[in-house]
Amino acid sequence: MATLRLFASARDAAGTARDDVAGATVAEVLDLACDRYGEGFVAVLASSRVWLNGEPADRAAAVADGDEVAVLPPVSGGSGSWPRPGRDRTRPRATAVLAEER
């Protein structure tokens, strides 16, 4: 039996972060999960990446007992407080430290 790990909106749609699901392939594991968790999960899965044991996987990949199938939905957002791309957050601090050492 494989361990199904669910993250972000997949976890929310399923109501759990982890479950044990029997299946010989990634497709079988995901199909059983869709049956178990319903249409909300199906919708999230449509835009998610699926990994098997920490590597990207396709639906035909074989799954053995003890394997981990992870569903990783796209994630976005943030507070907007990070610097613009190309700006180094540590540079002013690093410059100050180097100046003190001289």
PDB file of N, CA and C in Angstrom:
ATOM      1  N   MET A   1       0.840  -1.175   0.000  1.00  0.00           N
ATOM      2  CA  MET A   1       0.000   0.000   0.000  1.00  0.00           C
ATOM      3  C   MET A   1       0.887   1.241   0.000  1.00  0.00           C
ATOM      4  N   ALA A   2       0.528   2.232  -0.791  1.00  0.00           N
ATOM      5  CA  ALA A   2       1.294   3.471  -0.895  1.00  0.00           C
ATOM      6  C   ALA A   2       0.766   4.499   0.097  1.00  0.00           C
ATOM      7  N   THR A   3       1.641   5.399   0.495  1.00  0.00           N
ATOM      8  CA  THR A   3       1.227   6.548   1.295  1.00  0.00           C
ATOM      9  C   THR A   3       0.951   7.690   0.344  1.00  0.00           C
ATOM     10  N   LEU A   4      -0.239   8.237   0.411  1.00  0.00           N
ATOM     11  CA  LEU A   4      -0.621   9.393  -0.394  1.00  0.00           C
ATOM     12  C   LEU A   4      -0.441  10.622   0.467  1.00  0.00           C
ATOM     13  N   ARG A   5       0.405  11.546   0.016  1.00  0.00           N
ATOM     14  CA  ARG A   5       0.635  12.807   0.738  1.00  0.00           C
ATOM     15  C   ARG A   5       0.012  13.922  -0.055  1.00  0.00           C
ATOM     16  N   LEU A   6      -0.760  14.743   0.627  1.00  0.00           N
ATOM     17  CA  LEU A   6      -1.512  15.821  -0.018  1.00  0.00           C
ATOM     18  C   LEU A   6      -1.094  17.154   0.583  1.00  0.00           C
ATOM     19  N   PHE A   7      -0.883  18.137  -0.278  1.00  0.00           N
ATOM     20  CA  PHE A   7      -0.416  19.437   0.162  1.00  0.00           C
ATOM     21  C   PHE A   7      -1.381  20.535  -0.272  1.00  0.00           C
ATOM     22  N   ALA A   8      -1.373  21.626   0.481  1.00  0.00           N
ATOM     23  CA  ALA A   8      -2.112  22.855   0.163  1.00  0.00           C
ATOM     24  C   ALA A   8      -3.576  22.577  -0.165  1.00  0.00           C
ATOM     25  N   SER A   9      -4.044  23.001  -1.332  1.00  0.00           N
ATOM     26  CA  SER A   9      -5.467  22.862  -1.658  1.00  0.00           C
ATOM     27  C   SER A   9      -5.882  21.406  -1.847  1.00  0.00           C
ATOM     28  N   ALA A  10      -4.952  20.513  -2.174  1.00  0.00           N
ATOM     29  CA  ALA A  10      -5.280  19.080  -2.256  1.00  0.00           C
ATOM     30  C   ALA A  10      -5.598  18.552  -0.862  1.00  0.00           C
ATOM     31  N   ARG A  11      -4.838  18.978   0.118  1.00  0.00           N
ATOM     32  CA  ARG A  11      -5.092  18.600   1.511  1.00  0.00           C
ATOM     33  C   ARG A  11      -6.445  19.140   1.965  1.00  0.00           C
ATOM     34  N   ASP A  12      -6.725  20.375   1.618  1.00  0.00           N
ATOM     35  CA  ASP A  12      -8.009  20.979   1.991  1.00  0.00           C
ATOM     36  C   ASP A  12      -9.176  20.245   1.345  1.00  0.00           C
ATOM     37  N   ALA A  13      -9.051  19.910   0.087  1.00  0.00           N
ATOM     38  CA  ALA A  13     -10.136  19.249  -0.634  1.00  0.00           C
ATOM     39  C   ALA A  13     -10.393  17.841  -0.098  1.00  0.00           C
ATOM     40  N   ALA A  14      -9.338  17.150   0.321  1.00  0.00           N
ATOM     41  CA  ALA A  14      -9.476  15.785   0.814  1.00  0.00           C
ATOM     42  C   ALA A  14      -9.817  15.736   2.300  1.00  0.00           C
ATOM     43  N   GLY A  15      -9.471  16.793   3.010  1.00  0.00           N
ATOM     44  CA  GLY A  15      -9.705  16.803   4.450  1.00  0.00           C
ATOM     45  C   GLY A  15      -8.649  16.045   5.234  1.00  0.00           C
ATOM     46  N   THR A  16      -7.539  15.741   4.595  1.00  0.00           N
ATOM     47  CA  THR A  16      -6.444  15.041   5.255  1.00  0.00           C
ATOM     48  C   THR A  16      -5.140  15.343   4.528  1.00  0.00           C
ATOM     49  N   ALA A  17      -4.040  15.207   5.243  1.00  0.00           N
ATOM     50  CA  ALA A  17      -2.729  15.429   4.641  1.00  0.00           C
ATOM     51  C   ALA A  17      -2.070  14.126   4.208  1.00  0.00           C
ATOM     52  N   ARG A  18      -2.594  13.001   4.718  1.00  0.00           N
ATOM     53  CA  ARG A  18      -1.937  11.715   4.457  1.00  0.00           C
ATOM     54  C   ARG A  18      -2.965  10.605   4.531  1.00  0.00           C
ATOM     55  N   ASP A  19      -2.797   9.616   3.651  1.00  0.00           N
ATOM     56  CA  ASP A  19      -3.691   8.463   3.645  1.00  0.00           C
ATOM     57  C   ASP A  19      -2.942   7.284   3.039  1.00  0.00           C
ATOM     58  N   ASP A  20      -3.364   6.084   3.375  1.00  0.00           N
ATOM     59  CA  ASP A  20      -2.822   4.889   2.756  1.00  0.00           C
ATOM     60  C   ASP A  20      -3.792   4.450   1.670  1.00  0.00           C
ATOM     61  N   VAL A  21      -3.268   4.266   0.458  1.00  0.00           N
ATOM     62  CA  VAL A  21      -4.105   3.923  -0.689  1.00  0.00           C
ATOM     63  C   VAL A  21      -3.443   2.774  -1.451  1.00  0.00           C
ATOM     64  N   ALA A  22      -4.216   1.741  -1.738  1.00  0.00           N
ATOM     65  CA  ALA A  22      -3.702   0.603  -2.500  1.00  0.00           C
ATOM     66  C   ALA A  22      -3.770   0.934  -3.987  1.00  0.00           C
ATOM     67  N   GLY A  23      -2.784   0.494  -4.712  1.00  0.00           N
ATOM     68  CA  GLY A  23      -2.768   0.690  -6.160  1.00  0.00           C
ATOM     69  C   GLY A  23      -1.448   0.229  -6.722  1.00  0.00           C
ATOM     70  N   ALA A  24      -1.479  -0.356  -7.913  1.00  0.00           N
ATOM     71  CA  ALA A  24      -0.265  -0.859  -8.547  1.00  0.00           C
ATOM     72  C   ALA A  24       0.450   0.207  -9.366  1.00  0.00           C
ATOM     73  N   THR A  25      -0.257   1.276  -9.713  1.00  0.00           N
ATOM     74  CA  THR A  25       0.323   2.381 -10.482  1.00  0.00           C
ATOM     75  C   THR A  25      -0.105   3.699  -9.851  1.00  0.00           C
ATOM     76  N   VAL A  26       0.566   4.765 -10.253  1.00  0.00           N
ATOM     77  CA  VAL A  26       0.176   6.099  -9.789  1.00  0.00           C
ATOM     78  C   VAL A  26      -1.278   6.369 -10.188  1.00  0.00           C
ATOM     79  N   ALA A  27      -1.671   5.960 -11.395  1.00  0.00           N
ATOM     80  CA  ALA A  27      -3.043   6.168 -11.870  1.00  0.00           C
ATOM     81  C   ALA A  27      -4.051   5.498 -10.947  1.00  0.00           C
ATOM     82  N   GLU A  28      -3.779   4.266 -10.530  1.00  0.00           N
ATOM     83  CA  GLU A  28      -4.705   3.566  -9.641  1.00  0.00           C
ATOM     84  C   GLU A  28      -4.805   4.253  -8.287  1.00  0.00           C
ATOM     85  N   VAL A  29      -3.693   4.695  -7.751  1.00  0.00           N
ATOM     86  CA  VAL A  29      -3.699   5.407  -6.466  1.00  0.00           C
ATOM     87  C   VAL A  29      -4.524   6.681  -6.592  1.00  0.00           C
ATOM     88  N   LEU A  30      -4.291   7.450  -7.655  1.00  0.00           N
ATOM     89  CA  LEU A  30      -5.013   8.711  -7.826  1.00  0.00           C
ATOM     90  C   LEU A  30      -6.498   8.483  -8.102  1.00  0.00           C
ATOM     91  N   ASP A  31      -6.820   7.456  -8.891  1.00  0.00           N
ATOM     92  CA  ASP A  31      -8.237   7.164  -9.170  1.00  0.00           C
ATOM     93  C   ASP A  31      -8.974   6.781  -7.896  1.00  0.00           C
ATOM     94  N   LEU A  32      -8.341   5.969  -7.048  1.00  0.00           N
ATOM     95  CA  LEU A  32      -8.965   5.608  -5.781  1.00  0.00           C
ATOM     96  C   LEU A  32      -9.124   6.833  -4.881  1.00  0.00           C
ATOM     97  N   ALA A  33      -8.126   7.709  -4.897  1.00  0.00           N
ATOM     98  CA  ALA A  33      -8.217   8.940  -4.106  1.00  0.00           C
ATOM     99  C   ALA A  33      -9.357   9.817  -4.621  1.00  0.00           C
ATOM    100  N   CYS A  34      -9.521   9.909  -5.933  1.00  0.00           N
ATOM    101  CA  CYS A  34     -10.621  10.701  -6.500  1.00  0.00           C
ATOM    102  C   CYS A  34     -11.969  10.141  -6.064  1.00  0.00           C
ATOM    103  N   ASP A  35     -12.106   8.818  -6.094  1.00  0.00           N
ATOM    104  CA  ASP A  35     -13.347   8.190  -5.630  1.00  0.00           C
ATOM    105  C   ASP A  35     -13.588   8.471  -4.152  1.00  0.00           C
ATOM    106  N   ARG A  36     -12.524   8.441  -3.371  1.00  0.00           N
ATOM    107  CA  ARG A  36     -12.624   8.625  -1.928  1.00  0.00           C
ATOM    108  C   ARG A  36     -12.933  10.068  -1.544  1.00  0.00           C
ATOM    109  N   TYR A  37     -12.327  11.037  -2.225  1.00  0.00           N
ATOM    110  CA  TYR A  37     -12.411  12.435  -1.798  1.00  0.00           C
ATOM    111  C   TYR A  37     -13.379  13.287  -2.605  1.00  0.00           C
ATOM    112  N   GLY A  38     -13.809  12.856  -3.756  1.00  0.00           N
ATOM    113  CA  GLY A  38     -14.852  13.549  -4.490  1.00  0.00           C
ATOM    114  C   GLY A  38     -14.395  14.605  -5.479  1.00  0.00           C
ATOM    115  N   GLU A  39     -15.390  15.324  -5.984  1.00  0.00           N
ATOM    116  CA  GLU A  39     -15.191  16.278  -7.079  1.00  0.00           C
ATOM    117  C   GLU A  39     -14.240  17.427  -6.743  1.00  0.00           C
ATOM    118  N   GLY A  40     -14.263  17.903  -5.511  1.00  0.00           N
ATOM    119  CA  GLY A  40     -13.337  18.980  -5.137  1.00  0.00           C
ATOM    120  C   GLY A  40     -11.893  18.556  -5.296  1.00  0.00           C
ATOM    121  N   PHE A  41     -11.595  17.337  -4.904  1.00  0.00           N
ATOM    122  CA  PHE A  41     -10.246  16.804  -5.048  1.00  0.00           C
ATOM    123  C   PHE A  41      -9.899  16.594  -6.515  1.00  0.00           C
ATOM    124  N   VAL A  42     -10.866  16.091  -7.282  1.00  0.00           N
ATOM    125  CA  VAL A  42     -10.656  15.878  -8.720  1.00  0.00           C
ATOM    126  C   VAL A  42     -10.260  17.191  -9.392  1.00  0.00           C
ATOM    127  N   ALA A  43     -10.937  18.271  -9.025  1.00  0.00           N
ATOM    128  CA  ALA A  43     -10.654  19.581  -9.616  1.00  0.00           C
ATOM    129  C   ALA A  43      -9.241  20.051  -9.271  1.00  0.00           C
ATOM    130  N   VAL A  44      -8.831  19.856  -8.033  1.00  0.00           N
ATOM    131  CA  VAL A  44      -7.477  20.257  -7.623  1.00  0.00           C
ATOM    132  C   VAL A  44      -6.431  19.398  -8.329  1.00  0.00           C
ATOM    133  N   LEU A  45      -6.691  18.113  -8.420  1.00  0.00           N
ATOM    134  CA  LEU A  45      -5.741  17.191  -9.047  1.00  0.00           C
ATOM    135  C   LEU A  45      -5.468  17.555 -10.509  1.00  0.00           C
ATOM    136  N   ALA A  46      -6.467  18.102 -11.181  1.00  0.00           N
ATOM    137  CA  ALA A  46      -6.328  18.446 -12.599  1.00  0.00           C
ATOM    138  C   ALA A  46      -5.185  19.437 -12.859  1.00  0.00           C
ATOM    139  N   SER A  47      -4.868  20.283 -11.882  1.00  0.00           N
ATOM    140  CA  SER A  47      -3.802  21.274 -12.082  1.00  0.00           C
ATOM    141  C   SER A  47      -2.577  21.002 -11.208  1.00  0.00           C
ATOM    142  N   SER A  48      -2.515  19.836 -10.604  1.00  0.00           N
ATOM    143  CA  SER A  48      -1.436  19.511  -9.669  1.00  0.00           C
ATOM    144  C   SER A  48      -0.318  18.714 -10.332  1.00  0.00           C
ATOM    145  N   ARG A  49       0.840  18.750  -9.713  1.00  0.00           N
ATOM    146  CA  ARG A  49       1.964  17.887 -10.082  1.00  0.00           C
ATOM    147  C   ARG A  49       1.908  16.664  -9.173  1.00  0.00           C
ATOM    148  N   VAL A  50       2.332  15.536  -9.702  1.00  0.00           N
ATOM    149  CA  VAL A  50       2.351  14.311  -8.913  1.00  0.00           C
ATOM    150  C   VAL A  50       3.776  13.776  -8.881  1.00  0.00           C
ATOM    151  N   TRP A  51       4.231  13.441  -7.687  1.00  0.00           N
ATOM    152  CA  TRP A  51       5.574  12.918  -7.500  1.00  0.00           C
ATOM    153  C   TRP A  51       5.488  11.539  -6.867  1.00  0.00           C
ATOM    154  N   LEU A  52       6.416  10.684  -7.217  1.00  0.00           N
ATOM    155  CA  LEU A  52       6.527   9.358  -6.639  1.00  0.00           C
ATOM    156  C   LEU A  52       7.902   9.250  -5.995  1.00  0.00           C
ATOM    157  N   ASN A  53       7.909   9.066  -4.688  1.00  0.00           N
ATOM    158  CA  ASN A  53       9.170   8.957  -3.939  1.00  0.00           C
ATOM    159  C   ASN A  53      10.122  10.118  -4.211  1.00  0.00           C
ATOM    160  N   GLY A  54       9.569  11.320  -4.259  1.00  0.00           N
ATOM    161  CA  GLY A  54      10.388  12.519  -4.410  1.00  0.00           C
ATOM    162  C   GLY A  54      10.808  12.856  -5.816  1.00  0.00           C
ATOM    163  N   GLU A  55      10.270  12.162  -6.808  1.00  0.00           N
ATOM    164  CA  GLU A  55      10.601  12.429  -8.207  1.00  0.00           C
ATOM    165  C   GLU A  55       9.317  12.626  -9.003  1.00  0.00           C
ATOM    166  N   PRO A  56       9.318  13.520 -10.001  1.00  0.00           N
ATOM    167  CA  PRO A  56       8.123  13.673 -10.839  1.00  0.00           C
ATOM    168  C   PRO A  56       7.724  12.329 -11.439  1.00  0.00           C
ATOM    169  N   ALA A  57       6.418  12.076 -11.487  1.00  0.00           N
ATOM    170  CA  ALA A  57       5.938  10.780 -11.970  1.00  0.00           C
ATOM    171  C   ALA A  57       4.783  10.960 -12.942  1.00  0.00           C
ATOM    172  N   ASP A  58       4.661  10.011 -13.866  1.00  0.00           N
ATOM    173  CA  ASP A  58       3.474  10.000 -14.712  1.00  0.00           C
ATOM    174  C   ASP A  58       2.524   8.922 -14.195  1.00  0.00           C
ATOM    175  N   ARG A  59       1.329   8.904 -14.746  1.00  0.00           N
ATOM    176  CA  ARG A  59       0.283   8.017 -14.246  1.00  0.00           C
ATOM    177  C   ARG A  59       0.620   6.538 -14.427  1.00  0.00           C
ATOM    178  N   ALA A  60       1.476   6.192 -15.362  1.00  0.00           N
ATOM    179  CA  ALA A  60       1.800   4.791 -15.624  1.00  0.00           C
ATOM    180  C   ALA A  60       2.875   4.237 -14.689  1.00  0.00           C
ATOM    181  N   ALA A  61       3.493   5.087 -13.886  1.00  0.00           N
ATOM    182  CA  ALA A  61       4.582   4.632 -13.014  1.00  0.00           C
ATOM    183  C   ALA A  61       4.088   3.589 -12.018  1.00  0.00           C
ATOM    184  N   ALA A  62       4.877   2.532 -11.852  1.00  0.00           N
ATOM    185  CA  ALA A  62       4.536   1.464 -10.912  1.00  0.00           C
ATOM    186  C   ALA A  62       4.704   1.935  -9.476  1.00  0.00           C
ATOM    187  N   VAL A  63       3.799   1.490  -8.614  1.00  0.00           N
ATOM    188  CA  VAL A  63       3.828   1.835  -7.194  1.00  0.00           C
ATOM    189  C   VAL A  63       3.948   0.543  -6.390  1.00  0.00           C
ATOM    190  N   ALA A  64       4.914   0.509  -5.474  1.00  0.00           N
ATOM    191  CA  ALA A  64       5.127  -0.651  -4.610  1.00  0.00           C
ATOM    192  C   ALA A  64       4.720  -0.299  -3.180  1.00  0.00           C
ATOM    193  N   ASP A  65       4.567  -1.332  -2.360  1.00  0.00           N
ATOM    194  CA  ASP A  65       4.276  -1.106  -0.946  1.00  0.00           C
ATOM    195  C   ASP A  65       5.340  -0.207  -0.338  1.00  0.00           C
ATOM    196  N   GLY A  66       4.915   0.762   0.431  1.00  0.00           N
ATOM    197  CA  GLY A  66       5.837   1.683   1.081  1.00  0.00           C
ATOM    198  C   GLY A  66       6.211   2.895   0.259  1.00  0.00           C
ATOM    199  N   ASP A  67       5.809   2.946  -1.004  1.00  0.00           N
ATOM    200  CA  ASP A  67       6.095   4.122  -1.831  1.00  0.00           C
ATOM    201  C   ASP A  67       5.243   5.297  -1.378  1.00  0.00           C
ATOM    202  N   GLU A  68       5.703   6.496  -1.737  1.00  0.00           N
ATOM    203  CA  GLU A  68       4.980   7.718  -1.404  1.00  0.00           C
ATOM    204  C   GLU A  68       4.571   8.441  -2.683  1.00  0.00           C
ATOM    205  N   VAL A  69       3.273   8.676  -2.835  1.00  0.00           N
ATOM    206  CA  VAL A  69       2.732   9.447  -3.950  1.00  0.00           C
ATOM    207  C   VAL A  69       2.316  10.799  -3.371  1.00  0.00           C
ATOM    208  N   ALA A  70       2.864  11.867  -3.905  1.00  0.00           N
ATOM    209  CA  ALA A  70       2.575  13.210  -3.402  1.00  0.00           C
ATOM    210  C   ALA A  70       1.842  14.026  -4.457  1.00  0.00           C
ATOM    211  N   VAL A  71       0.806  14.745  -4.023  1.00  0.00           N
ATOM    212  CA  VAL A  71       0.044  15.637  -4.899  1.00  0.00           C
ATOM    213  C   VAL A  71       0.392  17.065  -4.492  1.00  0.00           C
ATOM    214  N   LEU A  72       0.972  17.803  -5.446  1.00  0.00           N
ATOM    215  CA  LEU A  72       1.460  19.160  -5.191  1.00  0.00           C
ATOM    216  C   LEU A  72       0.732  20.155  -6.083  1.00  0.00           C
ATOM    217  N   PRO A  73      -0.293  20.808  -5.557  1.00  0.00           N
ATOM    218  CA  PRO A  73      -1.001  21.812  -6.354  1.00  0.00           C
ATOM    219  C   PRO A  73      -0.134  23.057  -6.561  1.00  0.00           C
ATOM    220  N   PRO A  74      -0.455  23.852  -7.566  1.00  0.00           N
ATOM    221  CA  PRO A  74       0.278  25.107  -7.731  1.00  0.00           C
ATOM    222  C   PRO A  74      -0.004  26.020  -6.542  1.00  0.00           C
ATOM    223  N   VAL A  75       1.004  26.786  -6.164  1.00  0.00           N
ATOM    224  CA  VAL A  75       0.880  27.678  -5.016  1.00  0.00           C
ATOM    225  C   VAL A  75       1.258  29.078  -5.459  1.00  0.00           C
ATOM    226  N   SER A  76       0.539  30.045  -4.978  1.00  0.00           N
ATOM    227  CA  SER A  76       0.873  31.442  -5.284  1.00  0.00           C
ATOM    228  C   SER A  76       0.511  32.287  -4.085  1.00  0.00           C
ATOM    229  N   GLY A  77       0.821  33.550  -4.203  1.00  0.00           N
ATOM    230  CA  GLY A  77       0.438  34.468  -3.132  1.00  0.00           C
ATOM    231  C   GLY A  77       1.650  35.058  -2.465  1.00  0.00           C
ATOM    232  N   GLY A  78       1.421  35.691  -1.341  1.00  0.00           N
ATOM    233  CA  GLY A  78       2.483  36.325  -0.583  1.00  0.00           C
ATOM    234  C   GLY A  78       2.043  37.709  -0.171  1.00  0.00           C
ATOM    235  N   SER A  79       2.807  38.300   0.690  1.00  0.00           N
ATOM    236  CA  SER A  79       2.438  39.596   1.244  1.00  0.00           C
ATOM    237  C   SER A  79       2.902  40.764   0.401  1.00  0.00           C
ATOM    238  N   GLY A  80       3.788  40.516  -0.560  1.00  0.00           N
ATOM    239  CA  GLY A  80       4.312  41.616  -1.364  1.00  0.00           C
ATOM    240  C   GLY A  80       5.454  42.340  -0.685  1.00  0.00           C
ATOM    241  N   SER A  81       5.924  41.844   0.476  1.00  0.00           N
ATOM    242  CA  SER A  81       6.974  42.540   1.212  1.00  0.00           C
ATOM    243  C   SER A  81       8.375  42.142   0.775  1.00  0.00           C
ATOM    244  N   TRP A  82       8.506  41.135  -0.088  1.00  0.00           N
ATOM    245  CA  TRP A  82       9.814  40.729  -0.562  1.00  0.00           C
ATOM    246  C   TRP A  82      10.330  41.739  -1.576  1.00  0.00           C
ATOM    247  N   PRO A  83      11.637  41.860  -1.687  1.00  0.00           N
ATOM    248  CA  PRO A  83      12.187  42.811  -2.660  1.00  0.00           C
ATOM    249  C   PRO A  83      11.872  42.398  -4.092  1.00  0.00           C
ATOM    250  N   ARG A  84      11.952  43.361  -4.964  1.00  0.00           N
ATOM    251  CA  ARG A  84      11.730  43.081  -6.377  1.00  0.00           C
ATOM    252  C   ARG A  84      12.786  42.112  -6.885  1.00  0.00           C
ATOM    253  N   PRO A  85      12.467  41.330  -7.926  1.00  0.00           N
ATOM    254  CA  PRO A  85      13.462  40.407  -8.488  1.00  0.00           C
ATOM    255  C   PRO A  85      14.737  41.140  -8.868  1.00  0.00           C
ATOM    256  N   GLY A  86      15.855  40.483  -8.620  1.00  0.00           N
ATOM    257  CA  GLY A  86      17.146  41.069  -8.959  1.00  0.00           C
ATOM    258  C   GLY A  86      17.761  41.874  -7.835  1.00  0.00           C
ATOM    259  N   ARG A  87      17.026  42.108  -6.760  1.00  0.00           N
ATOM    260  CA  ARG A  87      17.579  42.858  -5.626  1.00  0.00           C
ATOM    261  C   ARG A  87      17.977  41.888  -4.535  1.00  0.00           C
ATOM    262  N   ASP A  88      19.108  42.092  -3.971  1.00  0.00           N
ATOM    263  CA  ASP A  88      19.637  41.195  -2.947  1.00  0.00           C
ATOM    264  C   ASP A  88      19.269  41.728  -1.570  1.00  0.00           C
ATOM    265  N   ARG A  89      18.450  40.984  -0.836  1.00  0.00           N
ATOM    266  CA  ARG A  89      18.028  41.401   0.507  1.00  0.00           C
ATOM    267  C   ARG A  89      19.209  41.495   1.468  1.00  0.00           C
ATOM    268  N   THR A  90      20.242  40.691   1.273  1.00  0.00           N
ATOM    269  CA  THR A  90      21.336  40.641   2.241  1.00  0.00           C
ATOM    270  C   THR A  90      22.439  41.645   1.949  1.00  0.00           C
ATOM    271  N   ARG A  91      22.433  42.254   0.807  1.00  0.00           N
ATOM    272  CA  ARG A  91      23.547  43.118   0.426  1.00  0.00           C
ATOM    273  C   ARG A  91      23.776  44.277   1.411  1.00  0.00           C
ATOM    274  N   PRO A  92      22.770  45.073   1.808  1.00  0.00           N
ATOM    275  CA  PRO A  92      23.065  46.166   2.736  1.00  0.00           C
ATOM    276  C   PRO A  92      23.658  45.660   4.051  1.00  0.00           C
ATOM    277  N   ARG A  93      23.152  44.571   4.577  1.00  0.00           N
ATOM    278  CA  ARG A  93      23.665  44.008   5.824  1.00  0.00           C
ATOM    279  C   ARG A  93      25.091  43.494   5.619  1.00  0.00           C
ATOM    280  N   ALA A  94      25.328  42.779   4.554  1.00  0.00           N
ATOM    281  CA  ALA A  94      26.664  42.238   4.283  1.00  0.00           C
ATOM    282  C   ALA A  94      27.665  43.380   4.094  1.00  0.00           C
ATOM    283  N   THR A  95      27.277  44.436   3.416  1.00  0.00           N
ATOM    284  CA  THR A  95      28.161  45.594   3.216  1.00  0.00           C
ATOM    285  C   THR A  95      28.508  46.235   4.539  1.00  0.00           C
ATOM    286  N   ALA A  96      27.534  46.356   5.448  1.00  0.00           N
ATOM    287  CA  ALA A  96      27.774  46.940   6.761  1.00  0.00           C
ATOM    288  C   ALA A  96      28.737  46.073   7.579  1.00  0.00           C
ATOM    289  N   VAL A  97      28.587  44.782   7.527  1.00  0.00           N
ATOM    290  CA  VAL A  97      29.473  43.879   8.266  1.00  0.00           C
ATOM    291  C   VAL A  97      30.891  43.976   7.722  1.00  0.00           C
ATOM    292  N   LEU A  98      31.056  43.987   6.410  1.00  0.00           N
ATOM    293  CA  LEU A  98      32.378  44.104   5.816  1.00  0.00           C
ATOM    294  C   LEU A  98      33.030  45.438   6.174  1.00  0.00           C
ATOM    295  N   ALA A  99      32.261  46.511   6.225  1.00  0.00           N
ATOM    296  CA  ALA A  99      32.790  47.824   6.569  1.00  0.00           C
ATOM    297  C   ALA A  99      33.295  47.830   8.017  1.00  0.00           C
ATOM    298  N   GLU A 100      32.604  47.134   8.912  1.00  0.00           N
ATOM    299  CA  GLU A 100      33.011  47.074  10.308  1.00  0.00           C
ATOM    300  C   GLU A 100      34.318  46.306  10.491  1.00  0.00           C
ATOM    301  N   GLU A 101      34.571  45.335   9.607  1.00  0.00           N
ATOM    302  CA  GLU A 101      35.772  44.514   9.730  1.00  0.00           C
ATOM    303  C   GLU A 101      37.024  45.219   9.244  1.00  0.00           C
ATOM    304  N   ARG A 102      36.868  46.280   8.493  1.00  0.00           N
ATOM    305  CA  ARG A 102      38.048  46.972   7.928  1.00  0.00           C
ATOM    306  C   ARG A 102      38.753  47.762   8.942  1.00  0.00           C
TER     307      ARG A 102
END
